[in-house]
N, C-alpha and C. Protein backbone atom coordinates (compact mmCIF):
# COMPACT_ATOMS: atom_id res chain seq x y z
N MET A 1 -30.23 69.49 -20.70
CA MET A 1 -29.57 67.73 -21.52
C MET A 1 -27.83 67.36 -20.80
N GLU A 2 -28.31 66.67 -19.85
CA GLU A 2 -27.48 66.02 -19.10
C GLU A 2 -26.46 65.01 -19.70
N LEU A 3 -25.01 65.10 -19.84
CA LEU A 3 -23.97 64.10 -20.47
C LEU A 3 -23.90 63.07 -20.11
N GLY A 4 -24.58 62.49 -18.94
CA GLY A 4 -24.03 61.51 -18.12
C GLY A 4 -22.54 61.69 -17.26
N ASN A 5 -22.29 60.04 -17.00
CA ASN A 5 -21.27 60.13 -16.31
C ASN A 5 -19.91 59.88 -17.60
N ILE A 6 -19.13 61.12 -17.81
CA ILE A 6 -18.04 61.25 -18.74
C ILE A 6 -16.96 61.29 -17.57
N PRO A 7 -16.01 60.39 -17.51
CA PRO A 7 -14.72 61.13 -16.87
C PRO A 7 -13.78 61.38 -17.25
N GLN A 8 -13.47 61.69 -16.07
CA GLN A 8 -11.46 62.93 -16.73
C GLN A 8 -10.39 62.22 -17.56
N PRO A 9 -10.66 63.23 -18.83
CA PRO A 9 -9.32 62.43 -19.61
C PRO A 9 -8.06 62.47 -18.36
N THR A 10 -7.10 61.34 -18.70
CA THR A 10 -5.99 61.57 -17.68
C THR A 10 -4.34 61.97 -19.16
N TYR A 11 -3.84 62.42 -18.52
CA TYR A 11 -2.56 63.12 -19.56
C TYR A 11 -1.56 62.70 -19.52
N GLY A 12 -0.24 61.74 -19.34
CA GLY A 12 0.82 61.30 -19.42
C GLY A 12 2.03 62.32 -19.99
N PRO A 13 2.89 61.96 -19.69
CA PRO A 13 4.29 63.14 -19.66
C PRO A 13 4.52 63.43 -20.65
N GLY A 14 3.61 62.72 -22.07
CA GLY A 14 4.34 63.25 -23.30
C GLY A 14 4.49 62.11 -24.06
N LEU A 15 5.53 62.49 -25.18
CA LEU A 15 5.59 61.33 -26.16
C LEU A 15 6.67 60.70 -25.33
N GLU A 16 7.19 59.82 -26.02
CA GLU A 16 8.29 58.87 -25.54
C GLU A 16 8.54 58.54 -27.16
N ALA A 17 10.27 58.39 -27.32
CA ALA A 17 10.72 58.03 -28.66
C ALA A 17 11.07 55.64 -28.71
N PRO A 18 10.49 55.89 -29.96
CA PRO A 18 10.08 54.34 -30.03
C PRO A 18 11.67 53.27 -29.55
N GLY A 19 11.23 52.28 -28.59
CA GLY A 19 12.17 51.69 -28.57
C GLY A 19 13.07 51.08 -30.06
N SER A 20 14.28 51.38 -29.83
CA SER A 20 14.85 50.64 -31.00
C SER A 20 16.64 49.38 -30.34
N ASN A 21 16.39 49.19 -31.38
CA ASN A 21 17.42 47.88 -31.39
C ASN A 21 19.20 48.70 -31.38
N MET A 22 19.17 49.99 -32.01
CA MET A 22 19.97 50.41 -32.51
C MET A 22 20.27 51.97 -31.71
N PRO A 23 20.54 52.08 -30.74
CA PRO A 23 20.35 53.16 -30.28
C PRO A 23 21.51 53.96 -30.69
N GLY A 24 22.51 53.49 -30.74
CA GLY A 24 23.80 54.61 -31.70
C GLY A 24 23.44 55.43 -32.76
N LEU A 25 22.96 54.38 -33.68
CA LEU A 25 22.46 54.88 -34.84
C LEU A 25 21.44 55.82 -34.91
N MET A 26 20.81 55.83 -34.08
CA MET A 26 19.89 57.23 -33.70
C MET A 26 20.14 58.10 -33.35
N ALA A 27 20.62 57.86 -32.18
CA ALA A 27 21.46 58.67 -31.93
C ALA A 27 22.69 60.14 -33.24
N MET A 28 23.23 59.18 -33.78
CA MET A 28 24.13 59.44 -34.72
C MET A 28 23.17 60.16 -35.76
N ALA A 29 22.10 59.80 -36.19
CA ALA A 29 21.06 60.37 -36.96
C ALA A 29 20.50 61.77 -36.57
N GLN A 30 20.37 61.71 -35.40
CA GLN A 30 19.68 63.15 -35.22
C GLN A 30 20.77 64.04 -34.66
N GLY A 31 21.99 63.19 -34.33
CA GLY A 31 23.37 64.09 -34.58
C GLY A 31 23.16 65.20 -35.77
N PHE A 32 23.00 64.27 -36.74
CA PHE A 32 23.85 65.01 -38.20
C PHE A 32 22.47 65.69 -38.82
N LEU A 33 20.86 65.80 -38.13
CA LEU A 33 20.20 66.07 -38.83
C LEU A 33 20.04 67.57 -37.97
N GLN A 34 20.16 67.48 -36.35
CA GLN A 34 20.82 68.46 -35.54
C GLN A 34 21.44 70.07 -36.32
N LEU A 35 22.83 68.74 -36.49
CA LEU A 35 24.32 70.07 -37.11
C LEU A 35 23.47 70.82 -38.62
N VAL A 36 23.12 69.70 -39.33
CA VAL A 36 21.96 70.05 -41.27
C VAL A 36 21.48 71.02 -40.92
N GLN A 37 20.52 70.93 -39.96
CA GLN A 37 19.52 71.91 -40.15
C GLN A 37 19.25 72.00 -38.70
N PRO A 38 19.47 73.09 -37.96
CA PRO A 38 19.44 73.03 -36.54
C PRO A 38 18.55 74.86 -36.25
N ASN A 39 17.83 75.53 -36.93
CA ASN A 39 16.65 76.21 -37.29
C ASN A 39 15.83 75.69 -37.70
N PRO A 40 14.42 76.13 -36.86
CA PRO A 40 13.02 76.13 -36.90
C PRO A 40 12.61 76.41 -38.37
N LEU A 41 11.67 75.95 -39.26
CA LEU A 41 11.03 76.58 -40.46
C LEU A 41 10.48 77.60 -39.65
N PRO A 42 11.05 78.97 -40.92
CA PRO A 42 10.40 80.13 -40.21
C PRO A 42 9.14 80.42 -41.30
N VAL A 43 8.05 79.94 -41.15
CA VAL A 43 6.97 80.47 -41.42
C VAL A 43 6.26 80.95 -40.35
N GLY A 44 6.46 81.42 -39.21
CA GLY A 44 5.85 82.32 -38.24
C GLY A 44 6.14 83.72 -39.11
N SER A 45 7.70 83.77 -38.54
CA SER A 45 8.22 85.10 -38.56
C SER A 45 7.96 85.61 -39.94
N THR A 46 7.32 85.20 -41.28
CA THR A 46 7.06 85.35 -42.69
C THR A 46 5.57 85.61 -42.46
N ILE A 47 4.87 85.50 -41.66
CA ILE A 47 3.69 85.91 -41.49
C ILE A 47 3.51 86.79 -40.61
N ARG A 48 4.07 87.31 -39.44
CA ARG A 48 4.26 88.49 -38.99
C ARG A 48 4.61 89.52 -39.82
N ALA A 49 6.14 89.19 -40.22
CA ALA A 49 6.47 90.41 -41.17
C ALA A 49 5.56 90.73 -42.76
N GLU A 50 4.85 90.07 -43.13
CA GLU A 50 3.71 90.61 -43.78
C GLU A 50 2.60 91.35 -43.49
N GLU A 51 2.11 90.82 -42.73
CA GLU A 51 0.89 91.63 -41.57
C GLU A 51 1.51 93.04 -41.66
N SER A 52 3.16 93.20 -40.35
CA SER A 52 2.90 94.58 -39.67
C SER A 52 3.52 95.59 -41.00
N SER A 53 4.11 95.11 -42.37
CA SER A 53 4.82 95.88 -43.28
C SER A 53 3.44 95.91 -44.27
N GLY A 54 3.04 95.50 -44.84
CA GLY A 54 2.24 95.38 -46.05
C GLY A 54 2.53 95.68 -47.24
N ALA A 55 3.11 94.92 -47.36
CA ALA A 55 4.34 94.97 -48.75
C ALA A 55 3.62 94.30 -49.36
N PRO A 56 4.34 94.55 -51.35
CA PRO A 56 3.40 93.91 -52.23
C PRO A 56 3.53 92.28 -52.40
N VAL A 57 3.06 91.12 -52.12
CA VAL A 57 3.37 89.99 -51.98
C VAL A 57 4.50 89.22 -52.81
N LEU A 58 5.18 89.95 -54.17
CA LEU A 58 6.39 89.77 -54.43
C LEU A 58 7.54 89.53 -53.50
N GLY A 59 7.41 90.40 -52.78
CA GLY A 59 8.54 91.53 -51.83
C GLY A 59 8.39 90.19 -50.80
N CYS A 60 6.90 89.81 -50.37
CA CYS A 60 7.11 88.52 -49.07
C CYS A 60 7.10 87.68 -49.95
N LEU A 61 7.10 87.36 -50.33
CA LEU A 61 7.20 85.76 -51.39
C LEU A 61 8.79 85.83 -51.62
N SER A 62 9.90 87.17 -52.16
CA SER A 62 10.99 86.67 -52.22
C SER A 62 11.47 86.47 -50.67
N PHE A 63 10.88 87.47 -49.97
CA PHE A 63 11.30 87.25 -48.06
C PHE A 63 11.46 85.86 -48.14
N PHE A 64 9.96 85.14 -48.18
CA PHE A 64 10.25 83.72 -47.50
C PHE A 64 10.80 82.87 -48.66
N LEU A 65 11.22 83.31 -49.64
CA LEU A 65 12.33 82.06 -49.89
C LEU A 65 12.98 82.29 -49.79
N SER A 66 13.73 83.83 -49.44
CA SER A 66 15.17 84.13 -49.11
C SER A 66 15.31 82.89 -47.55
N GLN A 67 14.62 82.75 -46.84
CA GLN A 67 14.46 82.86 -45.20
C GLN A 67 14.68 81.38 -45.52
N LEU A 68 13.46 80.86 -46.48
CA LEU A 68 13.24 78.42 -47.09
C LEU A 68 15.20 78.53 -47.50
N LEU A 69 15.71 79.44 -48.30
CA LEU A 69 17.05 78.44 -48.96
C LEU A 69 17.66 78.78 -47.11
N HIS A 70 17.74 80.22 -46.45
CA HIS A 70 18.51 79.48 -45.39
C HIS A 70 18.20 78.80 -44.29
N TYR A 71 16.64 78.57 -44.85
CA TYR A 71 16.74 77.46 -43.80
C TYR A 71 17.16 76.06 -44.37
N GLU A 72 17.56 75.93 -45.60
CA GLU A 72 17.55 74.49 -46.22
C GLU A 72 19.24 74.73 -46.43
N LEU A 73 19.95 75.73 -45.88
CA LEU A 73 21.71 75.93 -46.72
C LEU A 73 22.18 73.90 -46.01
N GLY A 74 21.69 73.79 -45.23
CA GLY A 74 22.56 72.83 -45.04
C GLY A 74 22.48 71.26 -45.68
N PHE A 75 21.03 71.30 -46.14
CA PHE A 75 20.71 70.26 -47.11
C PHE A 75 21.13 70.43 -48.65
N LEU A 76 21.29 71.79 -48.51
CA LEU A 76 21.61 71.92 -50.07
C LEU A 76 23.17 72.06 -50.03
N VAL A 77 24.32 72.44 -49.54
CA VAL A 77 25.27 71.81 -48.72
C VAL A 77 25.71 70.33 -48.87
N CYS A 78 25.18 69.42 -48.52
CA CYS A 78 25.38 67.99 -48.90
C CYS A 78 24.77 67.71 -49.69
N ALA A 79 23.64 68.67 -50.66
CA ALA A 79 23.48 67.59 -51.93
C ALA A 79 24.64 67.94 -53.19
N ALA A 80 25.15 68.83 -52.84
CA ALA A 80 26.14 69.85 -53.45
C ALA A 80 27.44 68.84 -53.23
N ILE A 81 27.46 68.41 -52.27
CA ILE A 81 28.58 67.57 -51.83
C ILE A 81 28.72 66.11 -52.20
N GLY A 82 27.13 65.82 -52.31
CA GLY A 82 27.11 64.33 -52.45
C GLY A 82 27.03 64.22 -54.24
N VAL A 83 26.93 65.25 -55.05
CA VAL A 83 26.93 65.62 -56.42
C VAL A 83 28.50 65.43 -57.27
N LEU A 84 29.04 66.16 -56.05
CA LEU A 84 30.73 66.10 -56.30
C LEU A 84 31.00 64.38 -56.19
N PHE A 85 30.99 64.61 -55.46
CA PHE A 85 31.23 63.07 -55.16
C PHE A 85 30.61 61.73 -56.25
N ILE A 86 29.70 61.88 -56.91
CA ILE A 86 29.09 60.97 -57.31
C ILE A 86 29.74 61.44 -59.17
N ILE A 87 30.24 62.66 -59.07
CA ILE A 87 30.87 62.68 -60.56
C ILE A 87 32.59 62.61 -60.62
N PHE A 88 33.36 62.96 -59.34
CA PHE A 88 34.46 62.83 -58.97
C PHE A 88 34.79 61.86 -58.67
N VAL A 89 34.46 61.18 -57.77
CA VAL A 89 34.28 59.46 -57.97
C VAL A 89 35.56 59.01 -58.74
N PRO A 90 34.17 58.53 -59.73
CA PRO A 90 33.77 57.58 -60.54
C PRO A 90 35.79 58.41 -62.20
N LEU A 91 35.23 59.32 -61.61
CA LEU A 91 36.21 60.63 -62.77
C LEU A 91 37.81 60.40 -62.32
N VAL A 92 37.67 59.85 -61.31
CA VAL A 92 39.30 59.92 -60.60
C VAL A 92 39.84 58.48 -60.90
N GLY A 93 38.84 57.47 -60.32
CA GLY A 93 39.15 56.40 -60.62
C GLY A 93 39.47 55.90 -61.81
N CYS A 94 38.47 56.37 -62.91
CA CYS A 94 39.33 56.26 -64.41
C CYS A 94 40.14 56.33 -64.68
N CYS A 95 40.75 57.77 -64.17
CA CYS A 95 42.06 58.32 -64.20
C CYS A 95 43.00 57.57 -63.83
N PHE A 96 42.91 56.93 -62.89
CA PHE A 96 43.96 55.76 -62.08
C PHE A 96 44.25 54.89 -62.83
N CYS A 97 43.05 54.21 -63.15
CA CYS A 97 42.76 53.37 -63.58
C CYS A 97 43.28 53.39 -65.48
N CYS A 98 42.79 54.37 -66.21
CA CYS A 98 43.48 54.37 -67.40
C CYS A 98 45.01 55.10 -67.76
N CYS A 99 45.51 55.88 -66.76
CA CYS A 99 46.73 56.56 -66.75
C CYS A 99 47.57 55.77 -66.05
N ARG A 100 47.89 55.04 -65.32
CA ARG A 100 48.86 54.07 -64.53
C ARG A 100 50.18 54.48 -65.26
N CYS A 101 51.17 55.50 -64.43
CA CYS A 101 52.04 55.40 -64.83
C CYS A 101 53.42 54.91 -63.90
């Protein structure tokens, strides 16, 4: 069974970033994301640890959750700072408004 005349695929240099009208904003967003979350997702290391140790599922789950919390630590800190601003900025504004001395 012959497949006929099938051309060979040609591959380019890879994916390119889409053109943007705001390169400064894109660079700032990428810089923030790299600052907040510099580590890759720890999926591969937990699978290797689970296969090699033979530990119970609960131990592997707690190990995975601890690695996942370490992975998301930057976002958790940003969320905590955001909640503090949401609570304390109106509270301080109310104190300045009501308690003008």
